[in-house]
């Protein structure tokens, strides 16, 4: 297990992005805040549109009123957050479904706590898209054969999704050349010709569009209807040791998801507080859906695709992972 976590953590440096409250607070305690005090919980996030509800919920006091103070750190992808949570460096994390399935199938003790985000389910109008630069000869997913396609993490959810888009369009996904690149680096790489296409989520997708880029496919829509893309999770150890804290985090996150889904303008505005997206681009951002419950069928579809693509050491147990 130790060797596995070290391997997962390679290159997965997390940087503290924000912390609310006084500097004198220590990390989360196993006993929670039963005495009426405040418990600081460390949360690993990706600085993308997906996590807007947490920042919004933090601002609205949904966590604070339950005695929780969030200390947020950021990473380039969910695969980088998993080892931090599994090792106890973080109490909670945000990760895509495939990263969690990979971890669970490898024996890493993680457990989903709350739903995260879902695809809009509308082709051409999703928060995730395969995009090409203006004037590109690439018109559909099949045309990606032999081309360089940027994804944020190799052998993970976006590779599965792009491969499925190519497959559904009649192409051979094994002929696609995947390049690992952080989301915020994709617009410049695409515009500069370093890659031929990019599987970008918001706000990177909006930036690409502002440069004249075109969407050629909606990979998460191709995976399944209303795909559950990511969830908030903890370690099984922390769940057993601090069930009260986990319960409060789950309740606060559920309230945050519901609020963000009902107040898209506020969700859109909060994005400017943790990304560098300019106001001119913000209006073009396509927001994801933030449903209360994960879509099990879509998670099973991602598990099937991941298994077909050889991402797992053994078949993952979807039921064991879900909240």
C-alpha atoms as a PDB file:
ATOM      1  CA  UNK A   1       0.000   0.000   0.000  1.00  0.00           C
ATOM      2  CA  UNK A   2       2.831   2.388   0.874  1.00  0.00           C
ATOM      3  CA  UNK A   3       4.486   1.836  -2.509  1.00  0.00           C
ATOM      4  CA  UNK A   4       1.132   2.354  -4.243  1.00  0.00           C
ATOM      5  CA  UNK A   5       0.491   5.674  -2.492  1.00  0.00           C
ATOM      6  CA  UNK A   6       4.017   6.881  -3.276  1.00  0.00           C
ATOM      7  CA  UNK A   7       3.439   6.051  -6.932  1.00  0.00           C
ATOM      8  CA  UNK A   8       0.103   7.823  -6.970  1.00  0.00           C
ATOM      9  CA  UNK A   9       1.602  10.871  -5.319  1.00  0.00           C
ATOM     10  CA  UNK A  10       4.464  11.268  -7.804  1.00  0.00           C
ATOM     11  CA  UNK A  11       4.299  14.782  -9.176  1.00  0.00           C
ATOM     12  CA  UNK A  12       1.098  15.481  -7.264  1.00  0.00           C
ATOM     13  CA  UNK A  13       2.151  18.636  -5.440  1.00  0.00           C
ATOM     14  CA  UNK A  14      -0.768  20.451  -3.846  1.00  0.00           C
ATOM     15  CA  UNK A  15      -0.623  24.173  -3.197  1.00  0.00           C
ATOM     16  CA  UNK A  16      -2.714  25.864  -0.537  1.00  0.00           C
ATOM     17  CA  UNK A  17      -5.042  28.209  -2.377  1.00  0.00           C
ATOM     18  CA  UNK A  18      -7.198  29.642   0.369  1.00  0.00           C
ATOM     19  CA  UNK A  19      -8.047  29.192   3.994  1.00  0.00           C
ATOM     20  CA  UNK A  20     -10.720  30.964   5.939  1.00  0.00           C
ATOM     21  CA  UNK A  21     -10.510  31.731   9.637  1.00  0.00           C
ATOM     22  CA  UNK A  22      -7.579  32.525  11.895  1.00  0.00           C
ATOM     23  CA  UNK A  23      -4.064  31.300  11.266  1.00  0.00           C
ATOM     24  CA  UNK A  24      -3.947  29.680  14.675  1.00  0.00           C
ATOM     25  CA  UNK A  25      -6.264  26.812  13.749  1.00  0.00           C
ATOM     26  CA  UNK A  26      -4.748  23.371  13.475  1.00  0.00           C
ATOM     27  CA  UNK A  27      -5.732  20.507  11.184  1.00  0.00           C
ATOM     28  CA  UNK A  28      -8.963  18.576  11.573  1.00  0.00           C
ATOM     29  CA  UNK A  29      -9.289  16.535  14.742  1.00  0.00           C
ATOM     30  CA  UNK A  30     -10.677  13.040  14.816  1.00  0.00           C
ATOM     31  CA  UNK A  31     -13.192  14.054  17.466  1.00  0.00           C
ATOM     32  CA  UNK A  32     -14.882  16.627  15.279  1.00  0.00           C
ATOM     33  CA  UNK A  33     -16.492  19.659  16.931  1.00  0.00           C
ATOM     34  CA  UNK A  34     -18.804  18.021  19.450  1.00  0.00           C
ATOM     35  CA  UNK A  35     -17.767  20.558  22.090  1.00  0.00           C
ATOM     36  CA  UNK A  36     -19.271  23.356  20.038  1.00  0.00           C
ATOM     37  CA  UNK A  37     -15.952  24.524  18.609  1.00  0.00           C
ATOM     38  CA  UNK A  38     -14.833  24.717  15.004  1.00  0.00           C
ATOM     39  CA  UNK A  39     -13.165  21.874  13.147  1.00  0.00           C
ATOM     40  CA  UNK A  40     -10.761  22.733  10.358  1.00  0.00           C
ATOM     41  CA  UNK A  41     -10.921  20.228   7.518  1.00  0.00           C
ATOM     42  CA  UNK A  42      -8.409  20.172   4.698  1.00  0.00           C
ATOM     43  CA  UNK A  43      -9.980  19.836   1.263  1.00  0.00           C
ATOM     44  CA  UNK A  44      -8.196  19.128  -2.019  1.00  0.00           C
ATOM     45  CA  UNK A  45      -9.806  20.725  -5.098  1.00  0.00           C
ATOM     46  CA  UNK A  46      -9.097  21.416  -8.769  1.00  0.00           C
ATOM     47  CA  UNK A  47      -9.389  25.148  -9.681  1.00  0.00           C
ATOM     48  CA  UNK A  48     -12.125  24.675 -12.278  1.00  0.00           C
ATOM     49  CA  UNK A  49     -15.802  25.576 -12.607  1.00  0.00           C
ATOM     50  CA  UNK A  50     -16.876  22.208 -11.154  1.00  0.00           C
ATOM     51  CA  UNK A  51     -16.104  23.181  -7.565  1.00  0.00           C
ATOM     52  CA  UNK A  52     -17.932  26.526  -7.544  1.00  0.00           C
ATOM     53  CA  UNK A  53     -20.577  25.194  -5.092  1.00  0.00           C
ATOM     54  CA  UNK A  54     -17.961  24.640  -2.368  1.00  0.00           C
ATOM     55  CA  UNK A  55     -16.613  28.182  -2.639  1.00  0.00           C
ATOM     56  CA  UNK A  56     -20.174  29.487  -2.757  1.00  0.00           C
ATOM     57  CA  UNK A  57     -21.212  27.357   0.217  1.00  0.00           C
ATOM     58  CA  UNK A  58     -18.176  28.574   2.117  1.00  0.00           C
ATOM     59  CA  UNK A  59     -19.156  32.188   1.398  1.00  0.00           C
ATOM     60  CA  UNK A  60     -22.787  31.570   2.375  1.00  0.00           C
ATOM     61  CA  UNK A  61     -21.779  29.969   5.661  1.00  0.00           C
ATOM     62  CA  UNK A  62     -23.162  26.500   4.947  1.00  0.00           C
ATOM     63  CA  UNK A  63     -20.012  24.897   6.322  1.00  0.00           C
ATOM     64  CA  UNK A  64     -19.465  27.414   9.096  1.00  0.00           C
ATOM     65  CA  UNK A  65     -22.911  26.945  10.609  1.00  0.00           C
ATOM     66  CA  UNK A  66     -22.090  23.254  10.992  1.00  0.00           C
ATOM     67  CA  UNK A  67     -18.849  24.027  12.776  1.00  0.00           C
ATOM     68  CA  UNK A  68     -16.600  23.347   9.803  1.00  0.00           C
ATOM     69  CA  UNK A  69     -13.853  25.578   8.439  1.00  0.00           C
ATOM     70  CA  UNK A  70     -12.413  24.642   5.047  1.00  0.00           C
ATOM     71  CA  UNK A  71      -8.706  24.838   4.322  1.00  0.00           C
ATOM     72  CA  UNK A  72      -8.539  24.467   0.553  1.00  0.00           C
ATOM     73  CA  UNK A  73      -5.565  23.257  -1.490  1.00  0.00           C
ATOM     74  CA  UNK A  74      -5.482  22.901  -5.268  1.00  0.00           C
ATOM     75  CA  UNK A  75      -4.075  20.345  -7.716  1.00  0.00           C
ATOM     76  CA  UNK A  76      -4.101  19.846 -11.485  1.00  0.00           C
ATOM     77  CA  UNK A  77      -6.355  16.787 -11.367  1.00  0.00           C
ATOM     78  CA  UNK A  78      -8.227  14.325  -9.214  1.00  0.00           C
ATOM     79  CA  UNK A  79      -5.483  11.722  -9.559  1.00  0.00           C
ATOM     80  CA  UNK A  80      -3.204  14.061  -7.612  1.00  0.00           C
ATOM     81  CA  UNK A  81      -5.718  14.518  -4.793  1.00  0.00           C
ATOM     82  CA  UNK A  82      -6.463  10.848  -4.098  1.00  0.00           C
ATOM     83  CA  UNK A  83      -3.128   9.984  -2.415  1.00  0.00           C
ATOM     84  CA  UNK A  84      -3.365  13.069  -0.213  1.00  0.00           C
ATOM     85  CA  UNK A  85      -6.733  11.960   1.134  1.00  0.00           C
ATOM     86  CA  UNK A  86      -5.761   8.288   1.409  1.00  0.00           C
ATOM     87  CA  UNK A  87      -2.640   9.165   3.408  1.00  0.00           C
ATOM     88  CA  UNK A  88      -4.487  11.500   5.777  1.00  0.00           C
ATOM     89  CA  UNK A  89      -2.881  14.712   4.516  1.00  0.00           C
ATOM     90  CA  UNK A  90      -6.377  15.870   3.565  1.00  0.00           C
ATOM     91  CA  UNK A  91      -9.672  14.920   5.153  1.00  0.00           C
ATOM     92  CA  UNK A  92     -11.698  15.376   1.959  1.00  0.00           C
ATOM     93  CA  UNK A  93     -11.048  15.705  -1.737  1.00  0.00           C
ATOM     94  CA  UNK A  94     -12.721  16.286  -5.078  1.00  0.00           C
ATOM     95  CA  UNK A  95     -11.942  13.813  -7.803  1.00  0.00           C
ATOM     96  CA  UNK A  96     -13.398  12.499 -10.991  1.00  0.00           C
ATOM     97  CA  UNK A  97     -15.151   9.153 -10.936  1.00  0.00           C
ATOM     98  CA  UNK A  98     -12.482   7.297 -12.903  1.00  0.00           C
ATOM     99  CA  UNK A  99      -9.698   8.380 -10.529  1.00  0.00           C
ATOM    100  CA  UNK A 100     -11.758   7.070  -7.623  1.00  0.00           C
ATOM    101  CA  UNK A 101     -12.468   3.806  -9.433  1.00  0.00           C
ATOM    102  CA  UNK A 102      -8.754   3.401 -10.226  1.00  0.00           C
ATOM    103  CA  UNK A 103      -7.870   4.008  -6.582  1.00  0.00           C
ATOM    104  CA  UNK A 104     -10.501   1.642  -5.266  1.00  0.00           C
ATOM    105  CA  UNK A 105      -9.576  -1.132  -7.702  1.00  0.00           C
ATOM    106  CA  UNK A 106      -5.948  -0.728  -6.603  1.00  0.00           C
ATOM    107  CA  UNK A 107      -6.813  -1.205  -2.941  1.00  0.00           C
ATOM    108  CA  UNK A 108      -6.652   2.454  -1.925  1.00  0.00           C
ATOM    109  CA  UNK A 109      -9.304   2.906   0.816  1.00  0.00           C
ATOM    110  CA  UNK A 110     -11.475   5.755  -0.484  1.00  0.00           C
ATOM    111  CA  UNK A 111     -15.201   6.353  -0.113  1.00  0.00           C
ATOM    112  CA  UNK A 112     -17.439   8.883  -1.869  1.00  0.00           C
ATOM    113  CA  UNK A 113     -19.192  11.263   0.523  1.00  0.00           C
ATOM    114  CA  UNK A 114     -21.225  13.516  -1.728  1.00  0.00           C
ATOM    115  CA  UNK A 115     -22.057  14.033  -5.360  1.00  0.00           C
ATOM    116  CA  UNK A 116     -19.889  16.529  -7.203  1.00  0.00           C
ATOM    117  CA  UNK A 117     -20.971  17.424 -10.721  1.00  0.00           C
ATOM    118  CA  UNK A 118     -22.745  16.036 -13.745  1.00  0.00           C
ATOM    119  CA  UNK A 119     -22.678  16.672 -17.460  1.00  0.00           C
ATOM    120  CA  UNK A 120     -25.463  18.848 -18.851  1.00  0.00           C
ATOM    121  CA  UNK A 121     -26.324  15.925 -21.105  1.00  0.00           C
ATOM    122  CA  UNK A 122     -26.612  18.241 -24.119  1.00  0.00           C
ATOM    123  CA  UNK A 123     -24.193  17.714 -27.010  1.00  0.00           C
ATOM    124  CA  UNK A 124     -22.460  20.950 -27.984  1.00  0.00           C
ATOM    125  CA  UNK A 125     -23.621  22.627 -24.775  1.00  0.00           C
ATOM    126  CA  UNK A 126     -21.678  20.847 -22.069  1.00  0.00           C
ATOM    127  CA  UNK A 127     -19.062  22.204 -19.676  1.00  0.00           C
ATOM    128  CA  UNK A 128     -16.578  19.720 -21.173  1.00  0.00           C
ATOM    129  CA  UNK A 129     -15.759  19.554 -24.868  1.00  0.00           C
ATOM    130  CA  UNK A 130     -13.221  18.498 -27.441  1.00  0.00           C
ATOM    131  CA  UNK A 131     -12.209  21.729 -29.117  1.00  0.00           C
ATOM    132  CA  UNK A 132      -9.986  22.687 -32.042  1.00  0.00           C
ATOM    133  CA  UNK A 133      -8.527  26.026 -33.082  1.00  0.00           C
ATOM    134  CA  UNK A 134     -10.131  28.288 -35.643  1.00  0.00           C
ATOM    135  CA  UNK A 135      -9.700  27.027 -39.186  1.00  0.00           C
ATOM    136  CA  UNK A 136      -8.756  23.489 -38.167  1.00  0.00           C
ATOM    137  CA  UNK A 137      -9.343  20.688 -40.663  1.00  0.00           C
ATOM    138  CA  UNK A 138     -10.596  18.507 -37.793  1.00  0.00           C
ATOM    139  CA  UNK A 139     -14.398  18.494 -38.000  1.00  0.00           C
ATOM    140  CA  UNK A 140     -15.436  15.502 -35.882  1.00  0.00           C
ATOM    141  CA  UNK A 141     -14.080  13.039 -33.336  1.00  0.00           C
ATOM    142  CA  UNK A 142     -13.123  10.508 -36.027  1.00  0.00           C
ATOM    143  CA  UNK A 143     -10.717  13.087 -37.470  1.00  0.00           C
ATOM    144  CA  UNK A 144      -8.656  12.880 -34.258  1.00  0.00           C
ATOM    145  CA  UNK A 145      -6.964   9.727 -35.539  1.00  0.00           C
ATOM    146  CA  UNK A 146      -3.231  10.440 -35.724  1.00  0.00           C
ATOM    147  CA  UNK A 147      -3.652  13.823 -34.039  1.00  0.00           C
ATOM    148  CA  UNK A 148      -2.319  15.194 -30.726  1.00  0.00           C
ATOM    149  CA  UNK A 149      -5.131  15.660 -28.205  1.00  0.00           C
ATOM    150  CA  UNK A 150      -4.534  17.387 -24.870  1.00  0.00           C
ATOM    151  CA  UNK A 151      -6.098  15.863 -21.755  1.00  0.00           C
ATOM    152  CA  UNK A 152      -5.395  16.857 -18.145  1.00  0.00           C
ATOM    153  CA  UNK A 153      -4.424  13.336 -16.975  1.00  0.00           C
ATOM    154  CA  UNK A 154      -3.436  10.314 -19.041  1.00  0.00           C
ATOM    155  CA  UNK A 155      -5.373   7.061 -18.588  1.00  0.00           C
ATOM    156  CA  UNK A 156      -8.211   8.732 -16.744  1.00  0.00           C
ATOM    157  CA  UNK A 157     -11.770   9.976 -17.257  1.00  0.00           C
ATOM    158  CA  UNK A 158     -11.064  12.379 -20.104  1.00  0.00           C
ATOM    159  CA  UNK A 159      -9.076   9.795 -22.037  1.00  0.00           C
ATOM    160  CA  UNK A 160     -11.973   7.336 -21.602  1.00  0.00           C
ATOM    161  CA  UNK A 161     -14.437   9.983 -22.757  1.00  0.00           C
ATOM    162  CA  UNK A 162     -12.422  11.095 -25.792  1.00  0.00           C
ATOM    163  CA  UNK A 163     -11.847   7.488 -26.807  1.00  0.00           C
ATOM    164  CA  UNK A 164     -15.601   6.871 -26.586  1.00  0.00           C
ATOM    165  CA  UNK A 165     -16.329   9.922 -28.761  1.00  0.00           C
ATOM    166  CA  UNK A 166     -13.870   8.698 -31.391  1.00  0.00           C
ATOM    167  CA  UNK A 167     -15.283   5.177 -31.196  1.00  0.00           C
ATOM    168  CA  UNK A 168     -18.883   6.374 -31.566  1.00  0.00           C
ATOM    169  CA  UNK A 169     -17.894   8.491 -34.568  1.00  0.00           C
ATOM    170  CA  UNK A 170     -16.495   5.434 -36.331  1.00  0.00           C
ATOM    171  CA  UNK A 171     -12.821   6.090 -35.601  1.00  0.00           C
ATOM    172  CA  UNK A 172     -10.070   4.072 -33.927  1.00  0.00           C
ATOM    173  CA  UNK A 173      -9.246   5.562 -30.497  1.00  0.00           C
ATOM    174  CA  UNK A 174      -5.938   3.678 -30.371  1.00  0.00           C
ATOM    175  CA  UNK A 175      -4.692   5.972 -33.158  1.00  0.00           C
ATOM    176  CA  UNK A 176      -5.168   9.131 -31.074  1.00  0.00           C
ATOM    177  CA  UNK A 177      -1.987  10.632 -29.571  1.00  0.00           C
ATOM    178  CA  UNK A 178      -2.830  11.831 -26.068  1.00  0.00           C
ATOM    179  CA  UNK A 179      -0.770  14.619 -24.489  1.00  0.00           C
ATOM    180  CA  UNK A 180      -1.002  15.405 -20.762  1.00  0.00           C
ATOM    181  CA  UNK A 181      -1.547  19.098 -20.098  1.00  0.00           C
ATOM    182  CA  UNK A 182      -3.173  21.107 -17.292  1.00  0.00           C
ATOM    183  CA  UNK A 183      -6.538  22.603 -18.262  1.00  0.00           C
ATOM    184  CA  UNK A 184      -5.352  26.203 -17.902  1.00  0.00           C
ATOM    185  CA  UNK A 185      -2.474  25.543 -20.325  1.00  0.00           C
ATOM    186  CA  UNK A 186      -4.705  24.103 -23.053  1.00  0.00           C
ATOM    187  CA  UNK A 187      -5.906  27.347 -24.712  1.00  0.00           C
ATOM    188  CA  UNK A 188      -2.364  28.598 -25.358  1.00  0.00           C
ATOM    189  CA  UNK A 189      -1.136  25.159 -26.483  1.00  0.00           C
ATOM    190  CA  UNK A 190      -4.032  24.823 -28.902  1.00  0.00           C
ATOM    191  CA  UNK A 191      -3.678  28.350 -30.222  1.00  0.00           C
ATOM    192  CA  UNK A 192       0.065  27.878 -30.635  1.00  0.00           C
ATOM    193  CA  UNK A 193      -0.239  24.581 -32.482  1.00  0.00           C
ATOM    194  CA  UNK A 194       1.452  22.397 -29.874  1.00  0.00           C
ATOM    195  CA  UNK A 195      -1.666  20.186 -29.902  1.00  0.00           C
ATOM    196  CA  UNK A 196      -4.327  19.618 -32.548  1.00  0.00           C
ATOM    197  CA  UNK A 197      -7.268  19.409 -30.154  1.00  0.00           C
ATOM    198  CA  UNK A 198      -7.992  19.706 -26.455  1.00  0.00           C
ATOM    199  CA  UNK A 199     -10.480  18.050 -24.147  1.00  0.00           C
ATOM    200  CA  UNK A 200     -11.142  21.128 -22.044  1.00  0.00           C
ATOM    201  CA  UNK A 201     -13.510  21.884 -19.209  1.00  0.00           C
ATOM    202  CA  UNK A 202     -14.623  25.326 -18.120  1.00  0.00           C
ATOM    203  CA  UNK A 203     -13.227  27.937 -17.859  1.00  0.00           C
ATOM    204  CA  UNK A 204     -10.592  26.719 -20.353  1.00  0.00           C
ATOM    205  CA  UNK A 205     -13.311  25.861 -22.874  1.00  0.00           C
ATOM    206  CA  UNK A 206     -14.659  29.427 -22.801  1.00  0.00           C
ATOM    207  CA  UNK A 207     -11.141  30.799 -23.276  1.00  0.00           C
ATOM    208  CA  UNK A 208     -10.662  28.573 -26.329  1.00  0.00           C
ATOM    209  CA  UNK A 209     -13.973  29.773 -27.759  1.00  0.00           C
ATOM    210  CA  UNK A 210     -12.945  33.398 -27.157  1.00  0.00           C
ATOM    211  CA  UNK A 211      -9.897  32.678 -29.346  1.00  0.00           C
ATOM    212  CA  UNK A 212     -12.165  31.479 -32.151  1.00  0.00           C
ATOM    213  CA  UNK A 213     -11.910  27.796 -31.305  1.00  0.00           C
ATOM    214  CA  UNK A 214     -14.664  25.355 -32.248  1.00  0.00           C
ATOM    215  CA  UNK A 215     -16.272  22.476 -30.343  1.00  0.00           C
ATOM    216  CA  UNK A 216     -16.307  19.219 -32.337  1.00  0.00           C
ATOM    217  CA  UNK A 217     -17.605  16.774 -29.714  1.00  0.00           C
ATOM    218  CA  UNK A 218     -19.018  16.511 -26.192  1.00  0.00           C
ATOM    219  CA  UNK A 219     -17.206  13.467 -24.776  1.00  0.00           C
ATOM    220  CA  UNK A 220     -18.979  13.246 -21.427  1.00  0.00           C
ATOM    221  CA  UNK A 221     -22.314  13.255 -23.229  1.00  0.00           C
ATOM    222  CA  UNK A 222     -21.033  10.382 -25.358  1.00  0.00           C
ATOM    223  CA  UNK A 223     -20.202   8.341 -22.235  1.00  0.00           C
ATOM    224  CA  UNK A 224     -23.745   8.211 -20.839  1.00  0.00           C
ATOM    225  CA  UNK A 225     -26.851  10.280 -20.260  1.00  0.00           C
ATOM    226  CA  UNK A 226     -26.284  12.884 -17.521  1.00  0.00           C
ATOM    227  CA  UNK A 227     -22.872  11.498 -16.623  1.00  0.00           C
ATOM    228  CA  UNK A 228     -21.742  11.868 -13.022  1.00  0.00           C
ATOM    229  CA  UNK A 229     -18.272  13.253 -13.568  1.00  0.00           C
ATOM    230  CA  UNK A 230     -16.829  13.762 -10.097  1.00  0.00           C
ATOM    231  CA  UNK A 231     -17.582  13.339  -6.407  1.00  0.00           C
ATOM    232  CA  UNK A 232     -16.309  14.544  -3.050  1.00  0.00           C
ATOM    233  CA  UNK A 233     -14.675  11.766  -1.070  1.00  0.00           C
ATOM    234  CA  UNK A 234     -12.776  10.824   2.067  1.00  0.00           C
ATOM    235  CA  UNK A 235     -10.711   7.885   3.257  1.00  0.00           C
ATOM    236  CA  UNK A 236     -12.486   4.922   4.806  1.00  0.00           C
ATOM    237  CA  UNK A 237     -10.274   5.431   7.858  1.00  0.00           C
ATOM    238  CA  UNK A 238     -11.382   9.037   8.364  1.00  0.00           C
ATOM    239  CA  UNK A 239     -14.999   8.068   7.799  1.00  0.00           C
ATOM    240  CA  UNK A 240     -14.744   5.486  10.577  1.00  0.00           C
ATOM    241  CA  UNK A 241     -12.844   7.769  12.953  1.00  0.00           C
ATOM    242  CA  UNK A 242     -14.843  10.968  12.415  1.00  0.00           C
ATOM    243  CA  UNK A 243     -18.369  10.041  11.284  1.00  0.00           C
ATOM    244  CA  UNK A 244     -19.842  13.262  12.706  1.00  0.00           C
ATOM    245  CA  UNK A 245     -17.454  15.456  10.726  1.00  0.00           C
ATOM    246  CA  UNK A 246     -18.112  13.435   7.564  1.00  0.00           C
ATOM    247  CA  UNK A 247     -21.867  13.797   8.104  1.00  0.00           C
ATOM    248  CA  UNK A 248     -21.564  17.574   8.519  1.00  0.00           C
ATOM    249  CA  UNK A 249     -19.385  17.884   5.429  1.00  0.00           C
ATOM    250  CA  UNK A 250     -21.871  15.834   3.429  1.00  0.00           C
ATOM    251  CA  UNK A 251     -24.815  17.980   4.596  1.00  0.00           C
ATOM    252  CA  UNK A 252     -23.003  21.267   3.951  1.00  0.00           C
ATOM    253  CA  UNK A 253     -21.890  20.137   0.498  1.00  0.00           C
ATOM    254  CA  UNK A 254     -25.405  18.974  -0.393  1.00  0.00           C
ATOM    255  CA  UNK A 255     -26.755  22.394   0.597  1.00  0.00           C
ATOM    256  CA  UNK A 256     -24.013  24.056  -1.447  1.00  0.00           C
ATOM    257  CA  UNK A 257     -24.788  21.948  -4.536  1.00  0.00           C
ATOM    258  CA  UNK A 258     -28.492  22.745  -4.313  1.00  0.00           C
ATOM    259  CA  UNK A 259     -27.827  26.459  -3.842  1.00  0.00           C
ATOM    260  CA  UNK A 260     -25.412  26.637  -6.785  1.00  0.00           C
ATOM    261  CA  UNK A 261     -27.817  24.765  -9.035  1.00  0.00           C
ATOM    262  CA  UNK A 262     -30.616  27.180  -8.102  1.00  0.00           C
ATOM    263  CA  UNK A 263     -28.451  30.320  -8.325  1.00  0.00           C
ATOM    264  CA  UNK A 264     -26.306  29.973 -11.473  1.00  0.00           C
ATOM    265  CA  UNK A 265     -25.453  33.681 -11.606  1.00  0.00           C
ATOM    266  CA  UNK A 266     -23.933  33.549  -8.126  1.00  0.00           C
ATOM    267  CA  UNK A 267     -22.118  30.326  -9.002  1.00  0.00           C
ATOM    268  CA  UNK A 268     -20.729  31.969 -12.135  1.00  0.00           C
ATOM    269  CA  UNK A 269     -19.540  34.998 -10.171  1.00  0.00           C
ATOM    270  CA  UNK A 270     -17.773  32.979  -7.459  1.00  0.00           C
ATOM    271  CA  UNK A 271     -15.594  31.392 -10.165  1.00  0.00           C
ATOM    272  CA  UNK A 272     -13.694  34.690 -10.489  1.00  0.00           C
ATOM    273  CA  UNK A 273     -12.451  34.324  -6.904  1.00  0.00           C
ATOM    274  CA  UNK A 274     -10.394  31.187  -7.508  1.00  0.00           C
ATOM    275  CA  UNK A 275      -9.578  31.247 -11.253  1.00  0.00           C
ATOM    276  CA  UNK A 276      -7.988  33.859 -13.485  1.00  0.00           C
ATOM    277  CA  UNK A 277     -10.850  33.925 -15.956  1.00  0.00           C
ATOM    278  CA  UNK A 278     -11.518  37.471 -17.240  1.00  0.00           C
ATOM    279  CA  UNK A 279     -14.992  38.959 -17.010  1.00  0.00           C
ATOM    280  CA  UNK A 280     -15.313  38.995 -20.799  1.00  0.00           C
ATOM    281  CA  UNK A 281     -14.899  35.227 -20.918  1.00  0.00           C
ATOM    282  CA  UNK A 282     -16.976  34.452 -17.827  1.00  0.00           C
ATOM    283  CA  UNK A 283     -20.251  35.127 -19.627  1.00  0.00           C
ATOM    284  CA  UNK A 284     -19.438  32.374 -22.129  1.00  0.00           C
ATOM    285  CA  UNK A 285     -18.833  29.725 -19.472  1.00  0.00           C
ATOM    286  CA  UNK A 286     -21.160  26.724 -19.654  1.00  0.00           C
ATOM    287  CA  UNK A 287     -21.990  25.592 -16.144  1.00  0.00           C
ATOM    288  CA  UNK A 288     -22.275  21.905 -15.274  1.00  0.00           C
ATOM    289  CA  UNK A 289     -25.193  20.405 -13.408  1.00  0.00           C
ATOM    290  CA  UNK A 290     -24.943  19.968  -9.656  1.00  0.00           C
ATOM    291  CA  UNK A 291     -27.524  17.279  -8.822  1.00  0.00           C
ATOM    292  CA  UNK A 292     -27.985  16.010  -5.293  1.00  0.00           C
ATOM    293  CA  UNK A 293     -27.345  12.347  -6.101  1.00  0.00           C
ATOM    294  CA  UNK A 294     -24.831  10.580  -8.357  1.00  0.00           C
ATOM    295  CA  UNK A 295     -26.065   8.743 -11.445  1.00  0.00           C
ATOM    296  CA  UNK A 296     -25.086   5.133 -10.780  1.00  0.00           C
ATOM    297  CA  UNK A 297     -25.661   3.982 -14.364  1.00  0.00           C
ATOM    298  CA  UNK A 298     -23.213   6.546 -15.697  1.00  0.00           C
ATOM    299  CA  UNK A 299     -20.621   5.525 -13.100  1.00  0.00           C
ATOM    300  CA  UNK A 300     -21.041   1.920 -14.195  1.00  0.00           C
ATOM    301  CA  UNK A 301     -20.532   3.077 -17.795  1.00  0.00           C
ATOM    302  CA  UNK A 302     -17.270   4.804 -16.822  1.00  0.00           C
ATOM    303  CA  UNK A 303     -16.190   1.658 -14.977  1.00  0.00           C
ATOM    304  CA  UNK A 304     -16.855  -0.409 -18.092  1.00  0.00           C
ATOM    305  CA  UNK A 305     -14.949   1.989 -20.349  1.00  0.00           C
ATOM    306  CA  UNK A 306     -12.044   2.162 -17.922  1.00  0.00           C
ATOM    307  CA  UNK A 307     -11.861  -1.612 -17.826  1.00  0.00           C
ATOM    308  CA  UNK A 308     -11.934  -1.823 -21.630  1.00  0.00           C
ATOM    309  CA  UNK A 309      -9.124   0.739 -21.803  1.00  0.00           C
ATOM    310  CA  UNK A 310      -7.027  -1.155 -19.234  1.00  0.00           C
ATOM    311  CA  UNK A 311      -7.109   1.473 -16.491  1.00  0.00           C
ATOM    312  CA  UNK A 312      -7.885  -0.903 -13.605  1.00  0.00           C
ATOM    313  CA  UNK A 313      -5.883  -3.636 -11.890  1.00  0.00           C
ATOM    314  CA  UNK A 314      -9.148  -5.426 -11.162  1.00  0.00           C
ATOM    315  CA  UNK A 315     -12.835  -4.767 -11.752  1.00  0.00           C
ATOM    316  CA  UNK A 316     -13.888  -1.888  -9.444  1.00  0.00           C
ATOM    317  CA  UNK A 317     -16.809  -2.235  -7.036  1.00  0.00           C
ATOM    318  CA  UNK A 318     -19.141   0.671  -7.837  1.00  0.00           C
ATOM    319  CA  UNK A 319     -21.486  -0.073  -4.924  1.00  0.00           C
ATOM    320  CA  UNK A 320     -18.613  -0.027  -2.422  1.00  0.00           C
ATOM    321  CA  UNK A 321     -17.441   3.355  -3.692  1.00  0.00           C
ATOM    322  CA  UNK A 322     -20.782   5.188  -3.674  1.00  0.00           C
ATOM    323  CA  UNK A 323     -22.046   7.066  -0.587  1.00  0.00           C
END
